Amino acid sequence: MSGNGQAASTPVGQLLLARLLVAGDKGATGAEIKKALEPLVGHRWAGAALTERLGQTLADLESAGLVSLTRKGKTERGVLTTDGRRQALEVIGLDQLPPKTTWDKVKKTYLAARALGHAAPPTGPAATRFGGEPGFKAALLKTQFVLPLGDYPAIQEALDALAWTLLGLEPGPKFTVKAVQAALILRELGDLGKLGSKPDPGKEVTKLLAREIGARQSGKDELRLAAIRRWVDGDSDDSPLAPLELVAPRPTTTEDGEATTALDLSAFAKRVVEAARSSPTGRFGADKVFVAHVWSTLRDEPAFAAMGAETFKRRLAEANNARLLDLSRADMVEAMDPEDVRLSEVPYLGATFHFIRI
């Protein structure tokens, strides 16, 4: 049970303050408060337990000087004090409540923004967009997948950024077939820069083919001439150009000279999560382990010894992007060992992760 001074800092206390803010000078009864808050907290408390929880929180807020309780007959109503109104406005991130603001508006806009971790609620067109289902989905996508977008993007903007991210590519221009083709070819060329505003897969594939067959320049007919030159320089049995082959995971060698085969991404992720769950050190909370501590556990295993810390982190980012494991950021670094934070940094698409979730 929260103490009197702490009630306003609990989620239930903050929801109650927000509901009373909408009620204004008229205030709200316990039944009205329960009806408003039940869809939000009914999964934790139900029936009499919820009534008791809300009643106790209301009493705590009264003791803290944030709520005034008045009784008329058998009906008790809660009304915010001046301090309570100020604190309720802080909860929803406003300096003052717009006229005729409803509880539904507070839930869909201000409380939803707070739930996503945004310091300020949306304003103007962003507020209208966020209040609708597509706009909220867009903001939720941005938060859940750490997309490099503003806090309140449009749904198509978020979908484009998500699609790029799920492909393991840096979000670029509008997600089209041509843009994806150009991006994949550029990645094969080792060019991880951002796509231009007008991607041209035909132009990029010329560079790819020139690299593969050793073309000297990109002029007219050069690819054709290069193909003939390579045939001339090939085996004497006049065999045609050999097609490119997909490369299977190559055996690597550990420092002891022991040969081992690199794990595929799924097996890599599975072993990493196993190691994180069994790690006796580096835990933060109940469900997170520092990347550096997991690497310390795995680095001597044959499948990991040859890759090094940087390759390990790169594959972690790839596995996270493929949803094979979940990485998490360190948001309260002042409470953490700075060396653990530094050694655990996994940069990816503008974000930096530090933990493996278990």
Protein backbone atom coordinates (compact mmCIF):
# COMPACT_ATOMS: atom_id res chain seq x y z
CA MET A 1 0.00 0.00 0.00
CA SER A 2 1.49 3.33 -0.95
CA GLY A 3 2.12 6.00 1.67
CA ASN A 4 0.28 9.29 1.65
CA GLY A 5 3.14 11.18 0.02
CA GLN A 6 3.66 8.55 -2.64
CA ALA A 7 0.11 8.07 -3.92
CA ALA A 8 0.44 10.76 -6.59
CA SER A 9 3.53 9.09 -8.05
CA THR A 10 1.85 5.71 -8.62
CA PRO A 11 0.14 4.99 -11.95
CA VAL A 12 -3.23 4.56 -10.20
CA GLY A 13 -2.79 7.84 -8.34
CA GLN A 14 -1.86 9.65 -11.54
CA LEU A 15 -4.87 8.21 -13.38
CA LEU A 16 -7.12 9.30 -10.55
CA LEU A 17 -5.70 12.84 -10.63
CA ALA A 18 -6.22 13.01 -14.40
CA ARG A 19 -9.84 11.85 -14.05
CA LEU A 20 -10.57 14.45 -11.37
CA LEU A 21 -8.95 17.14 -13.52
CA VAL A 22 -11.58 16.52 -16.19
CA ALA A 23 -14.33 16.58 -13.54
CA GLY A 24 -13.47 20.19 -12.66
CA ASP A 25 -15.12 21.92 -9.70
CA LYS A 26 -17.99 19.44 -9.70
CA GLY A 27 -15.67 16.58 -8.83
CA ALA A 28 -16.44 12.90 -9.23
CA THR A 29 -17.93 10.15 -7.08
CA GLY A 30 -16.22 6.88 -6.31
CA ALA A 31 -18.55 5.10 -8.73
CA GLU A 32 -17.72 7.56 -11.52
CA ILE A 33 -14.01 7.17 -10.89
CA LYS A 34 -14.26 3.37 -10.88
CA LYS A 35 -16.21 3.34 -14.15
CA ALA A 36 -13.58 5.56 -15.80
CA LEU A 37 -10.52 3.71 -14.52
CA GLU A 38 -11.74 0.10 -14.65
CA PRO A 39 -10.82 -0.40 -18.36
CA LEU A 40 -7.27 0.70 -17.51
CA VAL A 41 -6.63 -1.10 -14.21
CA GLY A 42 -9.30 -3.82 -14.16
CA HIS A 43 -6.73 -6.40 -15.27
CA ARG A 44 -4.96 -5.86 -11.91
CA TRP A 45 -7.90 -5.36 -9.56
CA ALA A 46 -11.57 -6.22 -10.02
CA GLY A 47 -14.82 -5.82 -8.11
CA ALA A 48 -14.40 -5.09 -4.41
CA ALA A 49 -10.61 -5.14 -4.69
CA LEU A 50 -10.70 -2.32 -7.23
CA THR A 51 -13.17 -0.32 -5.13
CA GLU A 52 -10.90 -0.68 -2.11
CA ARG A 53 -7.78 0.24 -4.09
CA LEU A 54 -9.34 3.39 -5.53
CA GLY A 55 -10.81 4.38 -2.17
CA GLN A 56 -7.46 4.03 -0.44
CA THR A 57 -5.66 5.96 -3.18
CA LEU A 58 -8.26 8.73 -2.97
CA ALA A 59 -7.80 8.90 0.81
CA ASP A 60 -4.01 9.05 0.38
CA LEU A 61 -4.34 11.89 -2.11
CA GLU A 62 -6.56 13.74 0.36
CA SER A 63 -3.96 13.30 3.10
CA ALA A 64 -1.31 14.64 0.71
CA GLY A 65 -3.37 17.79 0.16
CA LEU A 66 -4.10 17.04 -3.50
CA VAL A 67 -7.77 16.11 -3.22
CA SER A 68 -10.64 17.46 -1.16
CA LEU A 69 -13.41 15.00 -0.25
CA THR A 70 -16.89 16.40 0.35
CA ARG A 71 -20.04 14.53 1.34
CA LYS A 72 -23.64 15.38 0.54
CA GLY A 73 -26.01 12.85 2.01
CA LYS A 74 -24.62 9.41 1.21
CA THR A 75 -22.62 10.63 -1.78
CA GLU A 76 -18.93 11.51 -1.44
CA ARG A 77 -17.18 13.44 -4.20
CA GLY A 78 -13.50 14.09 -4.82
CA VAL A 79 -12.34 17.50 -6.09
CA LEU A 80 -8.78 18.55 -6.87
CA THR A 81 -7.14 21.18 -4.69
CA THR A 82 -4.93 23.85 -6.27
CA ASP A 83 -1.86 21.65 -5.71
CA GLY A 84 -3.75 18.64 -7.00
CA ARG A 85 -4.71 20.45 -10.19
CA ARG A 86 -1.10 21.50 -10.76
CA GLN A 87 0.11 17.94 -10.28
CA ALA A 88 -2.64 16.53 -12.52
CA LEU A 89 -1.57 18.90 -15.31
CA GLU A 90 2.02 17.66 -14.88
CA VAL A 91 0.77 14.09 -15.28
CA ILE A 92 -0.69 14.82 -18.72
CA GLY A 93 2.08 17.23 -19.75
CA LEU A 94 0.02 20.42 -20.06
CA ASP A 95 0.15 23.91 -18.58
CA GLN A 96 -3.62 24.15 -18.66
CA LEU A 97 -6.51 21.94 -19.70
CA PRO A 98 -8.15 22.98 -22.99
CA PRO A 99 -11.84 23.89 -22.67
CA LYS A 100 -14.38 21.05 -22.97
CA THR A 101 -11.70 18.37 -22.71
CA THR A 102 -13.31 14.97 -22.13
CA TRP A 103 -11.98 11.94 -20.30
CA ASP A 104 -11.87 10.07 -23.61
CA LYS A 105 -9.65 12.82 -25.05
CA VAL A 106 -7.34 12.66 -22.04
CA LYS A 107 -7.01 8.87 -22.38
CA LYS A 108 -6.50 8.75 -26.14
CA THR A 109 -4.07 11.65 -26.35
CA TYR A 110 -2.35 12.71 -23.14
CA LEU A 111 -2.23 9.46 -21.17
CA ALA A 112 -1.40 7.42 -24.28
CA ALA A 113 1.53 9.75 -25.02
CA ARG A 114 2.76 9.34 -21.45
CA ALA A 115 2.43 5.55 -21.70
CA LEU A 116 4.75 5.61 -24.74
CA GLY A 117 7.34 7.56 -22.76
CA HIS A 118 6.94 10.89 -24.55
CA ALA A 119 7.77 13.93 -22.43
CA ALA A 120 5.33 16.18 -24.28
CA PRO A 121 1.89 15.37 -25.70
CA PRO A 122 1.21 15.98 -29.39
CA THR A 123 -0.09 19.32 -30.57
CA GLY A 124 -1.75 20.61 -33.74
CA PRO A 125 -2.06 18.13 -36.64
CA ALA A 126 0.04 15.57 -34.73
CA ALA A 127 -2.55 15.55 -31.92
CA THR A 128 -5.37 14.91 -34.39
CA ARG A 129 -3.36 12.14 -36.05
CA PHE A 130 -2.34 10.54 -32.73
CA GLY A 131 -5.94 10.55 -31.53
CA GLY A 132 -6.91 8.23 -34.39
CA GLU A 133 -6.14 4.52 -34.60
CA PRO A 134 -3.59 4.73 -37.48
CA GLY A 135 -1.72 7.58 -35.79
CA PHE A 136 -1.45 5.70 -32.51
CA LYS A 137 -0.25 2.56 -34.29
CA ALA A 138 2.41 4.66 -36.01
CA ALA A 139 3.65 6.10 -32.70
CA LEU A 140 3.62 2.64 -31.12
CA LEU A 141 5.66 1.23 -34.02
CA LYS A 142 8.20 4.03 -33.59
CA THR A 143 8.55 3.23 -29.88
CA GLN A 144 8.54 -0.57 -30.04
CA PHE A 145 10.98 -0.88 -32.95
CA VAL A 146 13.12 2.19 -32.11
CA LEU A 147 12.47 3.70 -35.53
CA PRO A 148 14.42 6.88 -36.40
CA LEU A 149 11.31 9.04 -36.62
CA GLY A 150 9.64 11.83 -34.69
CA ASP A 151 7.47 10.89 -31.72
CA TYR A 152 4.22 11.17 -33.67
CA PRO A 153 4.77 9.99 -37.27
CA ALA A 154 2.14 9.30 -39.90
CA ILE A 155 1.27 5.63 -40.37
CA GLN A 156 2.79 5.32 -43.86
CA GLU A 157 6.01 6.94 -42.66
CA ALA A 158 6.19 4.43 -39.80
CA LEU A 159 5.37 1.47 -42.06
CA ASP A 160 8.12 2.45 -44.50
CA ALA A 161 10.68 2.81 -41.69
CA LEU A 162 9.57 -0.51 -40.16
CA ALA A 163 9.89 -2.35 -43.47
CA TRP A 164 13.42 -1.00 -44.01
CA THR A 165 14.37 -1.96 -40.46
CA LEU A 166 12.97 -5.50 -40.71
CA LEU A 167 15.06 -5.99 -43.85
CA GLY A 168 18.13 -4.98 -41.88
CA LEU A 169 18.56 -1.77 -43.89
CA GLU A 170 18.81 1.83 -42.81
CA PRO A 171 15.44 3.56 -43.32
CA GLY A 172 15.57 5.56 -46.52
CA PRO A 173 13.10 7.02 -49.00
CA LYS A 174 9.57 5.75 -49.61
CA PHE A 175 9.49 1.96 -49.44
CA THR A 176 9.04 0.83 -53.05
CA VAL A 177 10.21 -2.18 -55.05
CA LYS A 178 12.82 -0.06 -56.84
CA ALA A 179 14.08 1.41 -53.57
CA VAL A 180 14.43 -2.04 -51.99
CA GLN A 181 16.21 -3.41 -55.07
CA ALA A 182 18.67 -0.51 -55.04
CA ALA A 183 19.27 -0.82 -51.29
CA LEU A 184 19.95 -4.57 -51.42
CA ILE A 185 22.38 -4.14 -54.31
CA LEU A 186 24.18 -1.32 -52.50
CA ARG A 187 24.47 -3.50 -49.41
CA GLU A 188 26.03 -6.27 -51.51
CA LEU A 189 28.48 -3.66 -52.81
CA GLY A 190 29.39 -2.78 -49.23
CA ASP A 191 27.86 0.68 -49.47
CA LEU A 192 25.88 1.08 -46.26
CA GLY A 193 25.16 4.76 -46.79
CA LYS A 194 21.68 6.17 -47.07
CA LEU A 195 19.80 5.86 -50.34
CA GLY A 196 19.30 8.96 -52.43
CA SER A 197 15.87 10.44 -53.00
CA LYS A 198 15.56 8.69 -56.39
CA PRO A 199 16.97 5.13 -56.08
CA ASP A 200 18.02 3.58 -59.40
CA PRO A 201 18.48 -0.21 -59.20
CA GLY A 202 19.50 -0.35 -62.87
CA LYS A 203 22.43 1.95 -62.19
CA GLU A 204 23.46 0.09 -59.03
CA VAL A 205 23.29 -3.34 -60.67
CA THR A 206 25.73 -2.12 -63.32
CA LYS A 207 28.24 -1.45 -60.52
CA LEU A 208 27.57 -4.89 -59.05
CA LEU A 209 28.10 -6.70 -62.34
CA ALA A 210 31.20 -4.63 -63.11
CA ARG A 211 32.68 -5.73 -59.80
CA GLU A 212 31.82 -9.38 -60.34
CA ILE A 213 33.34 -9.73 -63.81
CA GLY A 214 36.12 -7.15 -63.52
CA ALA A 215 34.82 -4.54 -65.97
CA ARG A 216 37.34 -1.74 -66.46
CA GLN A 217 34.80 1.05 -66.83
CA SER A 218 31.05 1.59 -67.01
CA GLY A 219 30.80 2.70 -70.63
CA LYS A 220 28.57 1.22 -73.32
CA ASP A 221 29.17 -2.49 -74.01
CA GLU A 222 31.88 -2.67 -71.32
CA LEU A 223 30.08 -5.43 -69.39
CA ARG A 224 29.72 -7.45 -72.59
CA LEU A 225 33.40 -6.97 -73.45
CA ALA A 226 34.46 -7.83 -69.89
CA ALA A 227 32.46 -11.07 -70.01
CA ILE A 228 34.21 -12.07 -73.24
CA ARG A 229 37.64 -11.15 -71.79
CA ARG A 230 36.99 -13.27 -68.72
CA TRP A 231 35.98 -16.18 -70.95
CA VAL A 232 39.22 -15.74 -72.94
CA ASP A 233 41.24 -15.75 -69.72
CA GLY A 234 39.40 -18.80 -68.36
CA ASP A 235 40.13 -22.54 -68.63
CA SER A 236 41.22 -24.00 -71.94
CA ASP A 237 38.17 -26.26 -72.08
CA ASP A 238 36.07 -23.29 -73.24
CA SER A 239 33.70 -23.60 -70.28
CA PRO A 240 31.10 -20.82 -69.96
CA LEU A 241 31.18 -18.24 -67.21
CA ALA A 242 30.57 -19.92 -63.87
CA PRO A 243 27.53 -18.60 -62.02
CA LEU A 244 27.93 -17.00 -58.63
CA GLU A 245 27.36 -19.44 -55.77
CA LEU A 246 25.67 -18.83 -52.47
CA VAL A 247 28.27 -19.19 -49.77
CA ALA A 248 27.54 -21.56 -46.90
CA PRO A 249 28.90 -20.75 -43.44
CA ARG A 250 32.67 -21.18 -43.69
CA PRO A 251 34.68 -23.13 -41.16
CA THR A 252 36.78 -20.89 -38.96
CA THR A 253 39.74 -21.69 -36.78
CA THR A 254 40.10 -20.89 -33.10
CA GLU A 255 43.37 -19.82 -31.46
CA ASP A 256 43.98 -23.47 -30.57
CA GLY A 257 43.78 -24.45 -34.24
CA GLU A 258 40.41 -26.15 -33.77
CA ALA A 259 38.12 -25.86 -36.80
CA THR A 260 34.54 -24.83 -36.21
CA THR A 261 31.60 -23.68 -38.34
CA ALA A 262 29.93 -20.32 -37.76
CA LEU A 263 26.45 -20.60 -36.28
CA ASP A 264 23.51 -19.52 -38.41
CA LEU A 265 21.61 -16.54 -37.01
CA SER A 266 18.84 -18.59 -35.40
CA ALA A 267 21.28 -20.93 -33.61
CA PHE A 268 23.41 -17.93 -32.63
CA ALA A 269 20.43 -16.17 -31.04
CA LYS A 270 19.29 -19.30 -29.20
CA ARG A 271 22.72 -19.86 -27.65
CA VAL A 272 23.04 -16.18 -26.68
CA VAL A 273 19.69 -16.20 -24.87
CA GLU A 274 20.64 -19.44 -23.08
CA ALA A 275 23.90 -17.85 -21.93
CA ALA A 276 22.12 -14.69 -20.79
CA ARG A 277 19.61 -16.67 -18.73
CA SER A 278 22.36 -18.63 -16.99
CA SER A 279 24.72 -15.67 -16.47
CA PRO A 280 25.49 -15.21 -12.76
CA THR A 281 26.66 -11.62 -13.29
CA GLY A 282 25.65 -8.52 -15.22
CA ARG A 283 21.96 -8.67 -14.40
CA PHE A 284 19.89 -5.49 -14.19
CA GLY A 285 16.42 -6.12 -12.88
CA ALA A 286 14.67 -9.43 -13.41
CA ASP A 287 14.82 -9.67 -17.18
CA LYS A 288 17.96 -7.95 -18.52
CA VAL A 289 21.65 -8.90 -18.72
CA PHE A 290 24.50 -6.68 -19.92
CA VAL A 291 25.83 -7.68 -23.35
CA ALA A 292 29.43 -7.57 -22.09
CA HIS A 293 28.75 -10.23 -19.43
CA VAL A 294 27.10 -12.55 -21.95
CA TRP A 295 30.07 -12.11 -24.29
CA SER A 296 32.43 -13.01 -21.40
CA THR A 297 30.48 -16.25 -20.98
CA LEU A 298 30.53 -17.16 -24.68
CA ARG A 299 33.84 -15.90 -26.03
CA ASP A 300 35.76 -19.10 -25.25
CA GLU A 301 33.22 -21.39 -26.92
CA PRO A 302 34.44 -22.67 -30.32
CA ALA A 303 31.51 -21.19 -32.25
CA PHE A 304 32.14 -17.73 -30.77
CA ALA A 305 35.90 -17.61 -30.19
CA ALA A 306 36.79 -16.68 -33.77
CA MET A 307 34.31 -13.82 -34.18
CA GLY A 308 35.54 -11.24 -31.67
CA ALA A 309 33.45 -8.77 -29.67
CA GLU A 310 32.58 -6.44 -32.55
CA THR A 311 31.34 -9.25 -34.79
CA PHE A 312 29.40 -10.64 -31.83
CA LYS A 313 27.67 -7.27 -31.38
CA ARG A 314 26.94 -6.96 -35.09
CA ARG A 315 25.27 -10.38 -35.09
CA LEU A 316 23.33 -9.42 -31.96
CA ALA A 317 21.92 -6.42 -33.86
CA GLU A 318 21.03 -8.65 -36.81
CA ALA A 319 19.30 -11.18 -34.53
CA ASN A 320 17.40 -8.38 -32.78
CA ASN A 321 16.31 -7.00 -36.13
CA ALA A 322 15.13 -10.49 -37.17
CA ARG A 323 13.18 -10.74 -33.85
CA LEU A 324 15.17 -13.82 -32.82
CA LEU A 325 16.08 -12.14 -29.52
CA ASP A 326 15.34 -8.81 -27.84
CA LEU A 327 17.90 -6.12 -27.09
CA SER A 328 17.17 -3.27 -24.70
CA ARG A 329 18.63 0.17 -24.03
CA ALA A 330 20.10 1.44 -20.75
CA ASP A 331 17.86 4.35 -19.79
CA MET A 332 19.07 4.86 -16.20
CA VAL A 333 22.83 4.89 -16.76
CA GLU A 334 23.49 6.85 -13.57
CA ALA A 335 22.44 3.75 -11.62
CA MET A 336 24.72 1.40 -13.58
CA ASP A 337 28.40 0.49 -13.75
CA PRO A 338 29.78 2.84 -16.45
CA GLU A 339 32.24 0.18 -17.62
CA ASP A 340 29.41 -2.33 -18.14
CA VAL A 341 27.49 0.31 -20.10
CA ARG A 342 30.50 1.17 -22.29
CA LEU A 343 31.55 -2.40 -23.05
CA SER A 344 27.97 -3.47 -23.77
CA GLU A 345 27.16 -0.81 -26.39
CA VAL A 346 25.57 -2.29 -29.54
CA PRO A 347 24.98 0.53 -32.04
CA TYR A 348 22.36 -0.08 -34.71
CA LEU A 349 20.36 2.24 -36.98
CA GLY A 350 20.82 5.30 -34.81
CA ALA A 351 20.04 3.48 -31.54
CA THR A 352 22.41 1.97 -28.97
CA PHE A 353 21.48 -1.17 -27.04
CA HIS A 354 23.13 -2.50 -23.86
CA PHE A 355 21.06 -5.44 -22.59
CA ILE A 356 19.83 -8.82 -23.76
CA ARG A 357 16.31 -9.49 -22.50
CA ILE A 358 15.68 -12.88 -20.94
